[in-house]
Amino acid sequence: MNGVERVQVDLGWLQRLNAMTDLLARAVWALSLLLAAAVVLVIGNTVRLSIESRRDEILVAKLVGGTDAFVRRPFLYTGAWFGLGGGVVAFILLQLSLWWLSGPIERLTELYRSEFTLNALDVDGALALIIVAMLLGWLGAWVAVKRHLDDIEPGEIAGG
């Protein structure tokens, strides 16, 4: 270019930026896995409390011939409903966070003359979020039901 005497390229800052970006990406994945485990544990505990509060109903259902699958089904549905509610709340919070951060990010990209933008979830992403949340809720319920339903047997009534 005319008028340019010398160009100096320093790739060190770009390599540091890429390393920080990789670190943040891994931290986001680790945090996501921890939050998913927390969802499973919280919903599992909620379903476990529901199982304990309906212990007599479960005993009666088993006495009259109800199978474990019959007794398990309403708790699995409850876990899926909890997951659905959590997924909708997560989607709303995500949209609000993106809206809240959009102004500062636009100012930052203008300073660096960049084309970076934060994009909200599209319909496929929103459905994936909600479906994964429902599956996590169902998984939490399944773990709780599998663990605690086997402990409830009709023989407890005669001894109790």
N, C-alpha and C. Protein backbone atom coordinates (compact mmCIF):
# COMPACT_ATOMS: atom_id res chain seq x y z
N MET A 1 0.84 -1.17 0.00
CA MET A 1 0.00 0.00 0.00
C MET A 1 0.89 1.24 0.00
N ASN A 2 0.43 2.23 -0.65
CA ASN A 2 1.17 3.48 -0.71
C ASN A 2 1.19 4.15 0.65
N GLY A 3 2.30 4.69 1.03
CA GLY A 3 2.42 5.42 2.28
C GLY A 3 2.75 4.54 3.47
N VAL A 4 2.83 3.22 3.30
CA VAL A 4 3.15 2.31 4.39
C VAL A 4 4.61 1.93 4.26
N GLU A 5 5.39 2.28 5.27
CA GLU A 5 6.81 1.97 5.23
C GLU A 5 7.10 0.56 5.74
N ARG A 6 6.44 0.23 6.85
CA ARG A 6 6.79 -1.03 7.50
C ARG A 6 5.55 -1.62 8.17
N VAL A 7 5.42 -2.94 8.12
CA VAL A 7 4.33 -3.66 8.78
C VAL A 7 4.96 -4.66 9.72
N GLN A 8 4.48 -4.63 10.97
CA GLN A 8 5.01 -5.57 11.96
C GLN A 8 3.85 -6.44 12.43
N VAL A 9 4.03 -7.73 12.30
CA VAL A 9 2.99 -8.67 12.69
C VAL A 9 3.42 -9.35 13.98
N ASP A 10 2.57 -9.25 14.99
CA ASP A 10 2.84 -9.88 16.28
C ASP A 10 1.74 -10.90 16.52
N LEU A 11 2.05 -12.16 16.30
CA LEU A 11 1.06 -13.21 16.46
C LEU A 11 0.96 -13.71 17.90
N GLY A 12 1.81 -13.22 18.78
CA GLY A 12 1.79 -13.67 20.17
C GLY A 12 0.47 -13.36 20.85
N TRP A 13 -0.07 -12.16 20.64
CA TRP A 13 -1.33 -11.80 21.29
C TRP A 13 -2.47 -12.63 20.74
N LEU A 14 -2.41 -12.99 19.44
CA LEU A 14 -3.46 -13.81 18.84
C LEU A 14 -3.42 -15.23 19.41
N GLN A 15 -2.22 -15.75 19.62
CA GLN A 15 -2.10 -17.08 20.22
C GLN A 15 -2.60 -17.08 21.66
N ARG A 16 -2.30 -16.02 22.42
CA ARG A 16 -2.82 -15.92 23.79
C ARG A 16 -4.34 -15.81 23.80
N LEU A 17 -4.88 -15.05 22.85
CA LEU A 17 -6.34 -14.91 22.75
C LEU A 17 -6.99 -16.25 22.43
N ASN A 18 -6.40 -17.00 21.51
CA ASN A 18 -6.93 -18.33 21.17
C ASN A 18 -6.85 -19.27 22.36
N ALA A 19 -5.77 -19.21 23.12
CA ALA A 19 -5.63 -20.06 24.31
C ALA A 19 -6.69 -19.71 25.35
N MET A 20 -6.94 -18.40 25.55
CA MET A 20 -7.98 -17.99 26.50
C MET A 20 -9.36 -18.41 26.02
N THR A 21 -9.60 -18.31 24.72
CA THR A 21 -10.88 -18.73 24.16
C THR A 21 -11.09 -20.22 24.36
N ASP A 22 -10.06 -21.02 24.12
CA ASP A 22 -10.17 -22.47 24.34
C ASP A 22 -10.43 -22.78 25.81
N LEU A 23 -9.74 -22.07 26.70
CA LEU A 23 -9.95 -22.26 28.13
C LEU A 23 -11.39 -21.93 28.53
N LEU A 24 -11.90 -20.83 28.02
CA LEU A 24 -13.28 -20.45 28.34
C LEU A 24 -14.28 -21.45 27.78
N ALA A 25 -14.02 -21.97 26.59
CA ALA A 25 -14.91 -22.96 26.00
C ALA A 25 -14.96 -24.23 26.86
N ARG A 26 -13.81 -24.67 27.32
CA ARG A 26 -13.78 -25.85 28.19
C ARG A 26 -14.46 -25.58 29.54
N ALA A 27 -14.27 -24.37 30.05
CA ALA A 27 -14.92 -24.02 31.32
C ALA A 27 -16.44 -24.01 31.16
N VAL A 28 -16.92 -23.55 30.03
CA VAL A 28 -18.37 -23.55 29.77
C VAL A 28 -18.88 -24.99 29.70
N TRP A 29 -18.15 -25.87 29.03
CA TRP A 29 -18.57 -27.28 28.98
C TRP A 29 -18.56 -27.92 30.36
N ALA A 30 -17.54 -27.64 31.14
CA ALA A 30 -17.47 -28.21 32.50
C ALA A 30 -18.64 -27.69 33.35
N LEU A 31 -18.91 -26.41 33.25
CA LEU A 31 -20.03 -25.84 33.99
C LEU A 31 -21.36 -26.42 33.53
N SER A 32 -21.50 -26.65 32.24
CA SER A 32 -22.72 -27.26 31.70
C SER A 32 -22.92 -28.66 32.26
N LEU A 33 -21.85 -29.44 32.31
CA LEU A 33 -21.96 -30.80 32.84
C LEU A 33 -22.30 -30.78 34.33
N LEU A 34 -21.70 -29.86 35.07
CA LEU A 34 -22.02 -29.75 36.49
C LEU A 34 -23.47 -29.34 36.71
N LEU A 35 -23.97 -28.42 35.91
CA LEU A 35 -25.36 -28.00 36.04
C LEU A 35 -26.32 -29.13 35.65
N ALA A 36 -25.96 -29.90 34.63
CA ALA A 36 -26.79 -31.03 34.24
C ALA A 36 -26.85 -32.07 35.37
N ALA A 37 -25.71 -32.33 36.00
CA ALA A 37 -25.70 -33.26 37.13
C ALA A 37 -26.54 -32.71 38.28
N ALA A 38 -26.48 -31.40 38.50
CA ALA A 38 -27.29 -30.80 39.57
C ALA A 38 -28.78 -30.94 39.27
N VAL A 39 -29.17 -30.79 38.00
CA VAL A 39 -30.57 -30.96 37.62
C VAL A 39 -31.03 -32.38 37.92
N VAL A 40 -30.21 -33.35 37.53
CA VAL A 40 -30.57 -34.75 37.79
C VAL A 40 -30.71 -35.00 39.28
N LEU A 41 -29.79 -34.49 40.08
CA LEU A 41 -29.84 -34.72 41.53
C LEU A 41 -31.02 -34.01 42.19
N VAL A 42 -31.29 -32.78 41.79
CA VAL A 42 -32.40 -32.04 42.41
C VAL A 42 -33.74 -32.68 42.05
N ILE A 43 -33.93 -33.02 40.79
CA ILE A 43 -35.19 -33.65 40.40
C ILE A 43 -35.29 -35.04 41.02
N GLY A 44 -34.18 -35.75 41.09
CA GLY A 44 -34.19 -37.06 41.76
C GLY A 44 -34.60 -36.95 43.21
N ASN A 45 -34.09 -35.95 43.91
CA ASN A 45 -34.45 -35.76 45.31
C ASN A 45 -35.92 -35.38 45.46
N THR A 46 -36.42 -34.53 44.56
CA THR A 46 -37.82 -34.13 44.61
C THR A 46 -38.73 -35.34 44.38
N VAL A 47 -38.37 -36.18 43.42
CA VAL A 47 -39.18 -37.38 43.16
C VAL A 47 -39.07 -38.35 44.33
N ARG A 48 -37.89 -38.44 44.93
CA ARG A 48 -37.74 -39.32 46.09
C ARG A 48 -38.66 -38.87 47.22
N LEU A 49 -38.75 -37.58 47.45
CA LEU A 49 -39.68 -37.06 48.48
C LEU A 49 -41.12 -37.36 48.12
N SER A 50 -41.44 -37.29 46.84
CA SER A 50 -42.79 -37.62 46.40
C SER A 50 -43.08 -39.11 46.61
N ILE A 51 -42.08 -39.95 46.36
CA ILE A 51 -42.26 -41.39 46.59
C ILE A 51 -42.51 -41.65 48.07
N GLU A 52 -41.74 -41.01 48.93
CA GLU A 52 -41.92 -41.21 50.37
C GLU A 52 -43.28 -40.71 50.85
N SER A 53 -43.76 -39.61 50.29
CA SER A 53 -45.06 -39.09 50.73
C SER A 53 -46.21 -39.95 50.21
N ARG A 54 -45.98 -40.71 49.15
CA ARG A 54 -47.04 -41.57 48.60
C ARG A 54 -46.76 -43.04 48.87
N ARG A 55 -45.99 -43.31 49.89
CA ARG A 55 -45.58 -44.68 50.21
C ARG A 55 -46.78 -45.61 50.41
N ASP A 56 -47.80 -45.16 51.14
CA ASP A 56 -48.97 -46.01 51.38
C ASP A 56 -49.71 -46.32 50.08
N GLU A 57 -49.83 -45.34 49.21
CA GLU A 57 -50.48 -45.57 47.92
C GLU A 57 -49.71 -46.60 47.10
N ILE A 58 -48.40 -46.52 47.14
CA ILE A 58 -47.56 -47.46 46.39
C ILE A 58 -47.73 -48.86 46.95
N LEU A 59 -47.77 -48.97 48.28
CA LEU A 59 -47.96 -50.29 48.90
C LEU A 59 -49.31 -50.89 48.49
N VAL A 60 -50.36 -50.09 48.50
CA VAL A 60 -51.68 -50.58 48.12
C VAL A 60 -51.69 -50.99 46.65
N ALA A 61 -51.08 -50.17 45.79
CA ALA A 61 -51.03 -50.50 44.37
C ALA A 61 -50.29 -51.82 44.14
N LYS A 62 -49.21 -52.05 44.87
CA LYS A 62 -48.48 -53.31 44.73
C LYS A 62 -49.26 -54.49 45.30
N LEU A 63 -50.03 -54.23 46.37
CA LEU A 63 -50.84 -55.31 46.96
C LEU A 63 -51.92 -55.80 46.00
N VAL A 64 -52.51 -54.89 45.26
CA VAL A 64 -53.58 -55.29 44.34
C VAL A 64 -53.05 -55.73 42.99
N GLY A 65 -51.75 -55.87 42.87
CA GLY A 65 -51.17 -56.43 41.65
C GLY A 65 -50.52 -55.43 40.72
N GLY A 66 -50.35 -54.20 41.16
CA GLY A 66 -49.68 -53.20 40.32
C GLY A 66 -48.21 -53.54 40.15
N THR A 67 -47.75 -53.51 38.93
CA THR A 67 -46.34 -53.81 38.66
C THR A 67 -45.48 -52.60 38.99
N ASP A 68 -44.18 -52.83 39.05
CA ASP A 68 -43.26 -51.72 39.29
C ASP A 68 -43.36 -50.69 38.17
N ALA A 69 -43.55 -51.15 36.93
CA ALA A 69 -43.68 -50.21 35.80
C ALA A 69 -44.92 -49.33 35.96
N PHE A 70 -46.01 -49.93 36.45
CA PHE A 70 -47.24 -49.17 36.68
C PHE A 70 -47.04 -48.10 37.75
N VAL A 71 -46.34 -48.46 38.80
CA VAL A 71 -46.09 -47.52 39.89
C VAL A 71 -45.05 -46.47 39.48
N ARG A 72 -44.09 -46.87 38.68
CA ARG A 72 -43.00 -45.99 38.26
C ARG A 72 -43.46 -44.89 37.30
N ARG A 73 -44.41 -45.20 36.43
CA ARG A 73 -44.80 -44.30 35.34
C ARG A 73 -45.17 -42.88 35.78
N PRO A 74 -46.03 -42.67 36.79
CA PRO A 74 -46.37 -41.29 37.16
C PRO A 74 -45.17 -40.48 37.65
N PHE A 75 -44.23 -41.15 38.31
CA PHE A 75 -43.05 -40.44 38.79
C PHE A 75 -42.13 -40.03 37.63
N LEU A 76 -42.04 -40.88 36.60
CA LEU A 76 -41.26 -40.53 35.42
C LEU A 76 -41.89 -39.35 34.68
N TYR A 77 -43.22 -39.37 34.60
CA TYR A 77 -43.90 -38.23 33.97
C TYR A 77 -43.66 -36.95 34.77
N THR A 78 -43.69 -37.06 36.08
CA THR A 78 -43.43 -35.89 36.93
C THR A 78 -42.03 -35.34 36.68
N GLY A 79 -41.04 -36.23 36.59
CA GLY A 79 -39.68 -35.78 36.30
C GLY A 79 -39.58 -35.10 34.95
N ALA A 80 -40.28 -35.63 33.94
CA ALA A 80 -40.25 -35.00 32.62
C ALA A 80 -40.92 -33.63 32.66
N TRP A 81 -42.01 -33.51 33.41
CA TRP A 81 -42.69 -32.20 33.54
C TRP A 81 -41.79 -31.19 34.25
N PHE A 82 -41.10 -31.64 35.30
CA PHE A 82 -40.15 -30.75 35.98
C PHE A 82 -39.05 -30.30 35.01
N GLY A 83 -38.57 -31.23 34.21
CA GLY A 83 -37.55 -30.91 33.21
C GLY A 83 -38.07 -29.92 32.18
N LEU A 84 -39.32 -30.10 31.75
CA LEU A 84 -39.91 -29.18 30.79
C LEU A 84 -39.99 -27.77 31.37
N GLY A 85 -40.45 -27.68 32.60
CA GLY A 85 -40.53 -26.37 33.25
C GLY A 85 -39.16 -25.74 33.40
N GLY A 86 -38.18 -26.53 33.79
CA GLY A 86 -36.81 -26.02 33.92
C GLY A 86 -36.24 -25.60 32.58
N GLY A 87 -36.54 -26.33 31.51
CA GLY A 87 -36.07 -25.96 30.18
C GLY A 87 -36.66 -24.66 29.70
N VAL A 88 -37.94 -24.45 29.96
CA VAL A 88 -38.59 -23.19 29.56
C VAL A 88 -37.99 -22.02 30.35
N VAL A 89 -37.80 -22.22 31.65
CA VAL A 89 -37.19 -21.16 32.47
C VAL A 89 -35.76 -20.88 31.98
N ALA A 90 -35.00 -21.92 31.66
CA ALA A 90 -33.63 -21.73 31.16
C ALA A 90 -33.64 -20.96 29.84
N PHE A 91 -34.58 -21.27 28.96
CA PHE A 91 -34.68 -20.55 27.69
C PHE A 91 -34.98 -19.08 27.92
N ILE A 92 -35.91 -18.79 28.81
CA ILE A 92 -36.26 -17.40 29.10
C ILE A 92 -35.07 -16.66 29.70
N LEU A 93 -34.38 -17.28 30.65
CA LEU A 93 -33.20 -16.65 31.25
C LEU A 93 -32.09 -16.43 30.23
N LEU A 94 -31.92 -17.36 29.31
CA LEU A 94 -30.92 -17.22 28.27
C LEU A 94 -31.25 -16.04 27.36
N GLN A 95 -32.51 -15.92 26.97
CA GLN A 95 -32.91 -14.81 26.11
C GLN A 95 -32.73 -13.48 26.83
N LEU A 96 -33.10 -13.42 28.09
CA LEU A 96 -32.92 -12.18 28.86
C LEU A 96 -31.44 -11.83 29.00
N SER A 97 -30.59 -12.82 29.23
CA SER A 97 -29.16 -12.58 29.35
C SER A 97 -28.57 -12.05 28.04
N LEU A 98 -28.99 -12.63 26.93
CA LEU A 98 -28.49 -12.16 25.63
C LEU A 98 -28.94 -10.73 25.37
N TRP A 99 -30.17 -10.42 25.72
CA TRP A 99 -30.67 -9.05 25.55
C TRP A 99 -29.87 -8.08 26.42
N TRP A 100 -29.58 -8.48 27.65
CA TRP A 100 -28.87 -7.63 28.60
C TRP A 100 -27.43 -7.39 28.16
N LEU A 101 -26.80 -8.41 27.56
CA LEU A 101 -25.41 -8.29 27.13
C LEU A 101 -25.24 -7.68 25.74
N SER A 102 -26.30 -7.56 24.99
CA SER A 102 -26.17 -7.12 23.59
C SER A 102 -25.59 -5.71 23.47
N GLY A 103 -25.99 -4.79 24.32
CA GLY A 103 -25.47 -3.41 24.24
C GLY A 103 -23.97 -3.33 24.46
N PRO A 104 -23.45 -3.85 25.57
CA PRO A 104 -21.99 -3.80 25.78
C PRO A 104 -21.20 -4.54 24.70
N ILE A 105 -21.74 -5.63 24.19
CA ILE A 105 -21.02 -6.37 23.15
C ILE A 105 -21.00 -5.58 21.85
N GLU A 106 -22.07 -4.90 21.54
CA GLU A 106 -22.08 -4.06 20.33
C GLU A 106 -21.04 -2.94 20.44
N ARG A 107 -20.95 -2.31 21.62
CA ARG A 107 -19.96 -1.25 21.81
C ARG A 107 -18.54 -1.80 21.68
N LEU A 108 -18.30 -2.97 22.24
CA LEU A 108 -16.97 -3.58 22.16
C LEU A 108 -16.62 -3.94 20.72
N THR A 109 -17.55 -4.50 19.98
CA THR A 109 -17.26 -4.86 18.58
C THR A 109 -17.04 -3.62 17.73
N GLU A 110 -17.71 -2.51 18.05
CA GLU A 110 -17.46 -1.27 17.31
C GLU A 110 -16.04 -0.76 17.58
N LEU A 111 -15.58 -0.87 18.82
CA LEU A 111 -14.23 -0.42 19.15
C LEU A 111 -13.17 -1.22 18.39
N TYR A 112 -13.42 -2.50 18.21
CA TYR A 112 -12.46 -3.34 17.50
C TYR A 112 -12.78 -3.48 16.01
N ARG A 113 -13.79 -2.77 15.56
CA ARG A 113 -14.23 -2.84 14.16
C ARG A 113 -14.44 -4.29 13.74
N SER A 114 -15.18 -5.00 14.56
CA SER A 114 -15.43 -6.42 14.33
C SER A 114 -16.89 -6.63 13.91
N GLU A 115 -17.15 -7.78 13.35
CA GLU A 115 -18.51 -8.13 12.93
C GLU A 115 -19.15 -9.14 13.89
N PHE A 116 -18.60 -9.29 15.08
CA PHE A 116 -19.09 -10.28 16.04
C PHE A 116 -20.48 -9.89 16.55
N THR A 117 -21.37 -10.86 16.61
CA THR A 117 -22.70 -10.63 17.18
C THR A 117 -23.09 -11.85 18.02
N LEU A 118 -23.89 -11.60 19.02
CA LEU A 118 -24.47 -12.69 19.79
C LEU A 118 -25.82 -13.04 19.17
N ASN A 119 -25.98 -14.29 18.83
CA ASN A 119 -27.24 -14.73 18.23
C ASN A 119 -28.05 -15.50 19.24
N ALA A 120 -29.33 -15.23 19.28
CA ALA A 120 -30.23 -15.97 20.15
C ALA A 120 -30.45 -17.37 19.58
N LEU A 121 -30.98 -18.23 20.40
CA LEU A 121 -31.28 -19.58 19.93
C LEU A 121 -32.36 -19.54 18.87
N ASP A 122 -32.17 -20.33 17.82
CA ASP A 122 -33.23 -20.47 16.85
C ASP A 122 -34.23 -21.51 17.35
N VAL A 123 -35.22 -21.82 16.55
CA VAL A 123 -36.26 -22.75 16.99
C VAL A 123 -35.68 -24.13 17.28
N ASP A 124 -34.75 -24.59 16.44
CA ASP A 124 -34.13 -25.90 16.67
C ASP A 124 -33.34 -25.91 17.98
N GLY A 125 -32.59 -24.85 18.24
CA GLY A 125 -31.82 -24.76 19.48
C GLY A 125 -32.72 -24.71 20.71
N ALA A 126 -33.81 -23.96 20.61
CA ALA A 126 -34.74 -23.87 21.74
C ALA A 126 -35.39 -25.23 22.01
N LEU A 127 -35.79 -25.92 20.94
CA LEU A 127 -36.37 -27.25 21.12
C LEU A 127 -35.36 -28.23 21.69
N ALA A 128 -34.12 -28.15 21.23
CA ALA A 128 -33.07 -29.03 21.76
C ALA A 128 -32.86 -28.77 23.24
N LEU A 129 -32.82 -27.50 23.63
CA LEU A 129 -32.66 -27.14 25.05
C LEU A 129 -33.78 -27.73 25.89
N ILE A 130 -35.01 -27.58 25.43
CA ILE A 130 -36.16 -28.05 26.19
C ILE A 130 -36.20 -29.58 26.23
N ILE A 131 -35.87 -30.22 25.12
CA ILE A 131 -35.87 -31.70 25.09
C ILE A 131 -34.78 -32.26 26.00
N VAL A 132 -33.59 -31.65 25.97
CA VAL A 132 -32.51 -32.12 26.85
C VAL A 132 -32.91 -31.91 28.31
N ALA A 133 -33.56 -30.79 28.62
CA ALA A 133 -34.02 -30.55 29.99
C ALA A 133 -35.05 -31.60 30.41
N MET A 134 -35.96 -31.94 29.51
CA MET A 134 -36.95 -32.98 29.82
C MET A 134 -36.29 -34.33 30.04
N LEU A 135 -35.30 -34.65 29.22
CA LEU A 135 -34.59 -35.92 29.38
C LEU A 135 -33.81 -35.96 30.70
N LEU A 136 -33.22 -34.84 31.08
CA LEU A 136 -32.52 -34.79 32.37
C LEU A 136 -33.51 -34.95 33.52
N GLY A 137 -34.69 -34.34 33.41
CA GLY A 137 -35.72 -34.52 34.43
C GLY A 137 -36.18 -35.96 34.52
N TRP A 138 -36.39 -36.57 33.35
CA TRP A 138 -36.80 -37.98 33.32
C TRP A 138 -35.72 -38.87 33.92
N LEU A 139 -34.45 -38.57 33.58
CA LEU A 139 -33.33 -39.36 34.12
C LEU A 139 -33.25 -39.23 35.64
N GLY A 140 -33.41 -38.02 36.15
CA GLY A 140 -33.40 -37.83 37.60
C GLY A 140 -34.51 -38.61 38.28
N ALA A 141 -35.69 -38.58 37.68
CA ALA A 141 -36.82 -39.33 38.24
C ALA A 141 -36.56 -40.83 38.16
N TRP A 142 -36.00 -41.29 37.05
CA TRP A 142 -35.75 -42.72 36.88
C TRP A 142 -34.75 -43.22 37.92
N VAL A 143 -33.69 -42.43 38.16
CA VAL A 143 -32.69 -42.82 39.15
C VAL A 143 -33.34 -42.92 40.53
N ALA A 144 -34.16 -41.93 40.89
CA ALA A 144 -34.81 -41.94 42.21
C ALA A 144 -35.78 -43.09 42.33
N VAL A 145 -36.58 -43.31 41.30
CA VAL A 145 -37.58 -44.39 41.36
C VAL A 145 -36.89 -45.74 41.40
N LYS A 146 -35.87 -45.93 40.59
CA LYS A 146 -35.15 -47.21 40.58
C LYS A 146 -34.55 -47.50 41.94
N ARG A 147 -34.03 -46.47 42.57
CA ARG A 147 -33.36 -46.67 43.85
C ARG A 147 -34.34 -46.91 45.00
N HIS A 148 -35.46 -46.19 45.02
CA HIS A 148 -36.33 -46.20 46.19
C HIS A 148 -37.58 -47.07 46.04
N LEU A 149 -37.98 -47.37 44.82
CA LEU A 149 -39.19 -48.17 44.64
C LEU A 149 -38.96 -49.63 45.04
N ASP A 150 -37.75 -50.13 44.84
CA ASP A 150 -37.45 -51.51 45.20
C ASP A 150 -37.51 -51.73 46.71
N ASP A 151 -37.33 -50.65 47.49
CA ASP A 151 -37.36 -50.75 48.94
C ASP A 151 -38.78 -50.88 49.49
N ILE A 152 -39.78 -50.52 48.69
CA ILE A 152 -41.17 -50.56 49.15
C ILE A 152 -41.79 -51.87 48.69
N GLU A 153 -42.07 -52.75 49.62
CA GLU A 153 -42.66 -54.05 49.31
C GLU A 153 -43.93 -54.23 50.14
N PRO A 154 -44.91 -54.94 49.61
CA PRO A 154 -46.18 -55.13 50.32
C PRO A 154 -46.05 -55.84 51.65
N GLY A 155 -44.98 -56.56 51.92
CA GLY A 155 -44.80 -57.24 53.18
C GLY A 155 -44.65 -56.27 54.35
N GLU A 156 -44.42 -54.99 54.05
CA GLU A 156 -44.23 -54.00 55.12
C GLU A 156 -45.52 -53.73 55.88
N ILE A 157 -46.66 -53.94 55.24
CA ILE A 157 -47.94 -53.65 55.91
C ILE A 157 -48.18 -54.64 57.05
N ALA A 158 -47.88 -55.91 56.82
CA ALA A 158 -48.11 -56.92 57.86
C ALA A 158 -47.21 -56.66 59.07
N GLY A 159 -45.99 -56.22 58.82
CA GLY A 159 -45.06 -55.99 59.93
C GLY A 159 -45.28 -54.65 60.60
N GLY A 160 -45.98 -53.70 59.92
CA GLY A 160 -46.04 -52.34 60.41
C GLY A 160 -47.17 -52.07 61.29
